[in-house]
PDB file of all heavy atoms in Angstrom:
ATOM      1  N   VAL A   1       0.841  -1.206   0.000  1.00  0.00           N
ATOM      2  CA  VAL A   1       0.000   0.000   0.000  1.00  0.00           C
ATOM      3  C   VAL A   1       0.875   1.254   0.000  1.00  0.00           C
ATOM      4  O   VAL A   1       0.599   2.224  -0.721  1.00  0.00           O
ATOM      5  CB  VAL A   1      -0.949  -0.009   1.213  1.00  0.00           C
ATOM      6  CG1 VAL A   1      -1.805   1.260   1.226  1.00  0.00           C
ATOM      7  CG2 VAL A   1      -1.850  -1.235   1.173  1.00  0.00           C
ATOM      8  N   ILE A   2       1.940   1.258   0.822  1.00  0.00           N
ATOM      9  CA  ILE A   2       2.856   2.404   0.834  1.00  0.00           C
ATOM     10  C   ILE A   2       3.444   2.609  -0.558  1.00  0.00           C
ATOM     11  O   ILE A   2       3.518   3.741  -1.058  1.00  0.00           O
ATOM     12  CB  ILE A   2       3.981   2.196   1.863  1.00  0.00           C
ATOM     13  CG1 ILE A   2       3.411   2.254   3.286  1.00  0.00           C
ATOM     14  CG2 ILE A   2       5.073   3.252   1.694  1.00  0.00           C
ATOM     15  CD1 ILE A   2       4.431   1.938   4.370  1.00  0.00           C
ATOM     16  N   SER A   3       3.849   1.524  -1.206  1.00  0.00           N
ATOM     17  CA  SER A   3       4.476   1.611  -2.526  1.00  0.00           C
ATOM     18  C   SER A   3       3.518   2.116  -3.595  1.00  0.00           C
ATOM     19  O   SER A   3       3.953   2.697  -4.590  1.00  0.00           O
ATOM     20  CB  SER A   3       5.031   0.236  -2.926  1.00  0.00           C
ATOM     21  OG  SER A   3       6.006  -0.217  -1.998  1.00  0.00           O
ATOM     22  N   SER A   4       2.226   1.914  -3.391  1.00  0.00           N
ATOM     23  CA  SER A   4       1.236   2.389  -4.367  1.00  0.00           C
ATOM     24  C   SER A   4       1.076   3.901  -4.340  1.00  0.00           C
ATOM     25  O   SER A   4       0.521   4.494  -5.263  1.00  0.00           O
ATOM     26  CB  SER A   4      -0.130   1.736  -4.094  1.00  0.00           C
ATOM     27  OG  SER A   4      -0.723   2.280  -2.920  1.00  0.00           O
ATOM     28  N   LYS A   5       1.551   4.544  -3.266  1.00  0.00           N
ATOM     29  CA  LYS A   5       1.517   6.018  -3.107  1.00  0.00           C
ATOM     30  C   LYS A   5       0.093   6.569  -3.233  1.00  0.00           C
ATOM     31  O   LYS A   5      -0.113   7.684  -3.699  1.00  0.00           O
ATOM     32  CB  LYS A   5       2.418   6.684  -4.150  1.00  0.00           C
ATOM     33  CG  LYS A   5       3.850   6.164  -4.219  1.00  0.00           C
ATOM     34  CD  LYS A   5       4.647   6.469  -2.976  1.00  0.00           C
ATOM     35  CE  LYS A   5       6.140   6.313  -3.188  1.00  0.00           C
ATOM     36  NZ  LYS A   5       6.564   4.969  -3.606  1.00  0.00           N
ATOM     37  N   HIS A   6      -0.881   5.800  -2.793  1.00  0.00           N
ATOM     38  CA  HIS A   6      -2.259   6.265  -2.953  1.00  0.00           C
ATOM     39  C   HIS A   6      -2.639   7.312  -1.915  1.00  0.00           C
ATOM     40  O   HIS A   6      -3.576   8.080  -2.112  1.00  0.00           O
ATOM     41  CB  HIS A   6      -3.224   5.074  -2.870  1.00  0.00           C
ATOM     42  CG  HIS A   6      -3.664   4.748  -1.482  1.00  0.00           C
ATOM     43  ND1 HIS A   6      -4.874   5.138  -0.964  1.00  0.00           N
ATOM     44  CD2 HIS A   6      -3.039   4.085  -0.478  1.00  0.00           C
ATOM     45  CE1 HIS A   6      -4.979   4.726   0.285  1.00  0.00           C
ATOM     46  NE2 HIS A   6      -3.882   4.079   0.607  1.00  0.00           N
ATOM     47  N   ARG A   7      -1.908   7.373  -0.804  1.00  0.00           N
ATOM     48  CA  ARG A   7      -2.212   8.347   0.242  1.00  0.00           C
ATOM     49  C   ARG A   7      -1.278   9.540   0.091  1.00  0.00           C
ATOM     50  O   ARG A   7      -0.057   9.413   0.101  1.00  0.00           O
ATOM     51  CB  ARG A   7      -2.059   7.716   1.625  1.00  0.00           C
ATOM     52  CG  ARG A   7      -2.729   8.546   2.717  1.00  0.00           C
ATOM     53  CD  ARG A   7      -2.607   7.850   4.072  1.00  0.00           C
ATOM     54  NE  ARG A   7      -3.064   6.466   4.050  1.00  0.00           N
ATOM     55  CZ  ARG A   7      -4.343   6.098   4.074  1.00  0.00           C
ATOM     56  NH1 ARG A   7      -5.289   7.010   4.139  1.00  0.00           N
ATOM     57  NH2 ARG A   7      -4.662   4.816   4.049  1.00  0.00           N
ATOM     58  N   LEU A   8      -1.854  10.714  -0.020  1.00  0.00           N
ATOM     59  CA  LEU A   8      -1.068  11.905  -0.318  1.00  0.00           C
ATOM     60  C   LEU A   8       0.040  12.140   0.707  1.00  0.00           C
ATOM     61  O   LEU A   8       1.183  12.426   0.351  1.00  0.00           O
ATOM     62  CB  LEU A   8      -1.981  13.138  -0.387  1.00  0.00           C
ATOM     63  CG  LEU A   8      -2.885  13.237  -1.613  1.00  0.00           C
ATOM     64  CD1 LEU A   8      -3.909  14.358  -1.438  1.00  0.00           C
ATOM     65  CD2 LEU A   8      -2.053  13.492  -2.866  1.00  0.00           C
ATOM     66  N   GLY A   9      -0.308  12.031   1.989  1.00  0.00           N
ATOM     67  CA  GLY A   9       0.681  12.291   3.021  1.00  0.00           C
ATOM     68  C   GLY A   9       1.850  11.338   2.952  1.00  0.00           C
ATOM     69  O   GLY A   9       3.018  11.739   3.085  1.00  0.00           O
ATOM     70  N   VAL A  10       1.556  10.050   2.748  1.00  0.00           N
ATOM     71  CA  VAL A  10       2.617   9.055   2.653  1.00  0.00           C
ATOM     72  C   VAL A  10       3.441   9.275   1.387  1.00  0.00           C
ATOM     73  O   VAL A  10       4.678   9.130   1.389  1.00  0.00           O
ATOM     74  CB  VAL A  10       2.022   7.635   2.680  1.00  0.00           C
ATOM     75  CG1 VAL A  10       3.105   6.586   2.453  1.00  0.00           C
ATOM     76  CG2 VAL A  10       1.323   7.381   4.008  1.00  0.00           C
ATOM     77  N   ASP A  11       2.784   9.656   0.306  1.00  0.00           N
ATOM     78  CA  ASP A  11       3.484   9.921  -0.943  1.00  0.00           C
ATOM     79  C   ASP A  11       4.515  11.038  -0.775  1.00  0.00           C
ATOM     80  O   ASP A  11       5.688  10.892  -1.155  1.00  0.00           O
ATOM     81  CB  ASP A  11       2.473  10.287  -2.023  1.00  0.00           C
ATOM     82  CG  ASP A  11       3.137  10.521  -3.380  1.00  0.00           C
ATOM     83  OD1 ASP A  11       4.265  10.051  -3.588  1.00  0.00           O
ATOM     84  OD2 ASP A  11       2.528  11.196  -4.223  1.00  0.00           O
ATOM     85  N   PHE A  12       4.106  12.153  -0.181  1.00  0.00           N
ATOM     86  CA  PHE A  12       5.032  13.265  -0.025  1.00  0.00           C
ATOM     87  C   PHE A  12       6.101  12.959   1.032  1.00  0.00           C
ATOM     88  O   PHE A  12       7.232  13.441   0.932  1.00  0.00           O
ATOM     89  CB  PHE A  12       4.273  14.545   0.325  1.00  0.00           C
ATOM     90  CG  PHE A  12       3.708  15.236  -0.883  1.00  0.00           C
ATOM     91  CD1 PHE A  12       2.384  15.041  -1.265  1.00  0.00           C
ATOM     92  CD2 PHE A  12       4.512  16.059  -1.666  1.00  0.00           C
ATOM     93  CE1 PHE A  12       1.868  15.653  -2.390  1.00  0.00           C
ATOM     94  CE2 PHE A  12       4.004  16.679  -2.795  1.00  0.00           C
ATOM     95  CZ  PHE A  12       2.677  16.482  -3.172  1.00  0.00           C
ATOM     96  N   LEU A  13       5.762  12.136   2.016  1.00  0.00           N
ATOM     97  CA  LEU A  13       6.770  11.704   2.978  1.00  0.00           C
ATOM     98  C   LEU A  13       7.826  10.852   2.274  1.00  0.00           C
ATOM     99  O   LEU A  13       9.032  10.980   2.538  1.00  0.00           O
ATOM    100  CB  LEU A  13       6.107  10.905   4.108  1.00  0.00           C
ATOM    101  CG  LEU A  13       6.976  10.575   5.323  1.00  0.00           C
ATOM    102  CD1 LEU A  13       7.336  11.843   6.088  1.00  0.00           C
ATOM    103  CD2 LEU A  13       6.258   9.594   6.242  1.00  0.00           C
ATOM    104  N   CYS A  14       7.389   9.986   1.374  1.00  0.00           N
ATOM    105  CA  CYS A  14       8.324   9.167   0.595  1.00  0.00           C
ATOM    106  C   CYS A  14       9.210  10.048  -0.284  1.00  0.00           C
ATOM    107  O   CYS A  14      10.416   9.805  -0.423  1.00  0.00           O
ATOM    108  CB  CYS A  14       7.569   8.160  -0.267  1.00  0.00           C
ATOM    109  SG  CYS A  14       6.831   6.780   0.650  1.00  0.00           S
ATOM    110  N   ARG A  15       8.627  11.070  -0.873  1.00  0.00           N
ATOM    111  CA  ARG A  15       9.426  11.956  -1.728  1.00  0.00           C
ATOM    112  C   ARG A  15      10.508  12.646  -0.915  1.00  0.00           C
ATOM    113  O   ARG A  15      11.663  12.749  -1.361  1.00  0.00           O
ATOM    114  CB  ARG A  15       8.520  13.006  -2.382  1.00  0.00           C
ATOM    115  CG  ARG A  15       7.486  12.446  -3.342  1.00  0.00           C
ATOM    116  CD  ARG A  15       6.760  13.568  -4.060  1.00  0.00           C
ATOM    117  NE  ARG A  15       5.534  13.112  -4.702  1.00  0.00           N
ATOM    118  CZ  ARG A  15       4.762  13.871  -5.485  1.00  0.00           C
ATOM    119  NH1 ARG A  15       5.112  15.131  -5.696  1.00  0.00           N
ATOM    120  NH2 ARG A  15       3.659  13.384  -6.019  1.00  0.00           N
ATOM    121  N   LYS A  16      10.164  13.136   0.262  1.00  0.00           N
ATOM    122  CA  LYS A  16      11.151  13.791   1.115  1.00  0.00           C
ATOM    123  C   LYS A  16      12.223  12.813   1.580  1.00  0.00           C
ATOM    124  O   LYS A  16      13.338  13.208   1.897  1.00  0.00           O
ATOM    125  CB  LYS A  16      10.457  14.416   2.334  1.00  0.00           C
ATOM    126  CG  LYS A  16       9.781  15.744   2.041  1.00  0.00           C
ATOM    127  CD  LYS A  16      10.821  16.791   1.660  1.00  0.00           C
ATOM    128  CE  LYS A  16      10.196  18.098   1.260  1.00  0.00           C
ATOM    129  NZ  LYS A  16      11.224  19.073   0.804  1.00  0.00           N
ATOM    130  N   SER A  17      11.870  11.534   1.606  1.00  0.00           N
ATOM    131  CA  SER A  17      12.802  10.507   2.071  1.00  0.00           C
ATOM    132  C   SER A  17      13.622   9.909   0.938  1.00  0.00           C
ATOM    133  O   SER A  17      14.412   8.990   1.165  1.00  0.00           O
ATOM    134  CB  SER A  17      12.029   9.391   2.787  1.00  0.00           C
ATOM    135  OG  SER A  17      11.246   9.903   3.835  1.00  0.00           O
ATOM    136  N   GLY A  18      13.408  10.390  -0.272  1.00  0.00           N
ATOM    137  CA  GLY A  18      14.147   9.856  -1.412  1.00  0.00           C
ATOM    138  C   GLY A  18      13.612   8.547  -1.929  1.00  0.00           C
ATOM    139  O   GLY A  18      14.312   7.830  -2.657  1.00  0.00           O
ATOM    140  N   LEU A  19      12.371   8.215  -1.589  1.00  0.00           N
ATOM    141  CA  LEU A  19      11.763   6.954  -2.033  1.00  0.00           C
ATOM    142  C   LEU A  19      10.862   7.219  -3.228  1.00  0.00           C
ATOM    143  O   LEU A  19       9.636   7.327  -3.107  1.00  0.00           O
ATOM    144  CB  LEU A  19      10.942   6.324  -0.907  1.00  0.00           C
ATOM    145  CG  LEU A  19      11.712   5.840   0.307  1.00  0.00           C
ATOM    146  CD1 LEU A  19      10.756   5.277   1.342  1.00  0.00           C
ATOM    147  CD2 LEU A  19      12.734   4.796  -0.077  1.00  0.00           C
ATOM    148  N   THR A  20      11.455   7.360  -4.390  1.00  0.00           N
ATOM    149  CA  THR A  20      10.686   7.562  -5.612  1.00  0.00           C
ATOM    150  C   THR A  20      11.139   6.546  -6.647  1.00  0.00           C
ATOM    151  O   THR A  20      12.313   6.171  -6.707  1.00  0.00           O
ATOM    152  CB  THR A  20      10.894   8.986  -6.168  1.00  0.00           C
ATOM    153  OG1 THR A  20      12.304   9.212  -6.364  1.00  0.00           O
ATOM    154  CG2 THR A  20      10.351  10.038  -5.216  1.00  0.00           C
ATOM    155  N   GLY A  21      10.190   6.088  -7.429  1.00  0.00           N
ATOM    156  CA  GLY A  21      10.519   5.180  -8.509  1.00  0.00           C
ATOM    157  C   GLY A  21      10.788   3.754  -8.096  1.00  0.00           C
ATOM    158  O   GLY A  21      11.325   2.969  -8.888  1.00  0.00           O
ATOM    159  N   ARG A  22      10.449   3.394  -6.861  1.00  0.00           N
ATOM    160  CA  ARG A  22      10.650   2.008  -6.424  1.00  0.00           C
ATOM    161  C   ARG A  22       9.700   1.700  -5.275  1.00  0.00           C
ATOM    162  O   ARG A  22       9.095   2.599  -4.689  1.00  0.00           O
ATOM    163  CB  ARG A  22      12.082   1.774  -5.980  1.00  0.00           C
ATOM    164  CG  ARG A  22      12.503   2.517  -4.714  1.00  0.00           C
ATOM    165  CD  ARG A  22      13.901   2.089  -4.314  1.00  0.00           C
ATOM    166  NE  ARG A  22      14.430   2.729  -3.146  1.00  0.00           N
ATOM    167  CZ  ARG A  22      14.248   2.316  -1.880  1.00  0.00           C
ATOM    168  NH1 ARG A  22      13.496   1.245  -1.649  1.00  0.00           N
ATOM    169  NH2 ARG A  22      14.794   2.946  -0.864  1.00  0.00           N
ATOM    170  N   GLU A  23       9.581   0.395  -4.963  1.00  0.00           N
ATOM    171  CA  GLU A  23       8.732  -0.001  -3.847  1.00  0.00           C
ATOM    172  C   GLU A  23       9.421   0.275  -2.523  1.00  0.00           C
ATOM    173  O   GLU A  23      10.645   0.388  -2.451  1.00  0.00           O
ATOM    174  CB  GLU A  23       8.343  -1.474  -3.954  1.00  0.00           C
ATOM    175  CG  GLU A  23       9.454  -2.454  -3.658  1.00  0.00           C
ATOM    176  CD  GLU A  23      10.208  -2.903  -4.889  1.00  0.00           C
ATOM    177  OE1 GLU A  23      10.318  -2.099  -5.846  1.00  0.00           O
ATOM    178  OE2 GLU A  23      10.708  -4.039  -4.898  1.00  0.00           O
ATOM    179  N   ALA A  24       8.629   0.376  -1.481  1.00  0.00           N
ATOM    180  CA  ALA A  24       9.154   0.620  -0.139  1.00  0.00           C
ATOM    181  C   ALA A  24       9.487  -0.704   0.539  1.00  0.00           C
ATOM    182  O   ALA A  24       8.807  -1.717   0.334  1.00  0.00           O
ATOM    183  CB  ALA A  24       8.137   1.385   0.699  1.00  0.00           C
ATOM    184  N   LEU A  25      10.549  -0.689   1.347  1.00  0.00           N
ATOM    185  CA  LEU A  25      10.954  -1.842   2.132  1.00  0.00           C
ATOM    186  C   LEU A  25      10.816  -1.514   3.615  1.00  0.00           C
ATOM    187  O   LEU A  25      10.712  -0.346   3.994  1.00  0.00           O
ATOM    188  CB  LEU A  25      12.409  -2.219   1.814  1.00  0.00           C
ATOM    189  CG  LEU A  25      12.744  -2.492   0.348  1.00  0.00           C
ATOM    190  CD1 LEU A  25      14.242  -2.727   0.188  1.00  0.00           C
ATOM    191  CD2 LEU A  25      11.962  -3.683  -0.171  1.00  0.00           C
TER     192      LEU A  25
END
C-alpha cells in the first residue's frame, strides 16, 4: 500500500525521504 503512493501524506513523505521510482521496504 505504501508503494502504491495512494495516500497523499505518505506519498510526499516518501518523496522527502528519497523513495521515488521504487517499492518501499
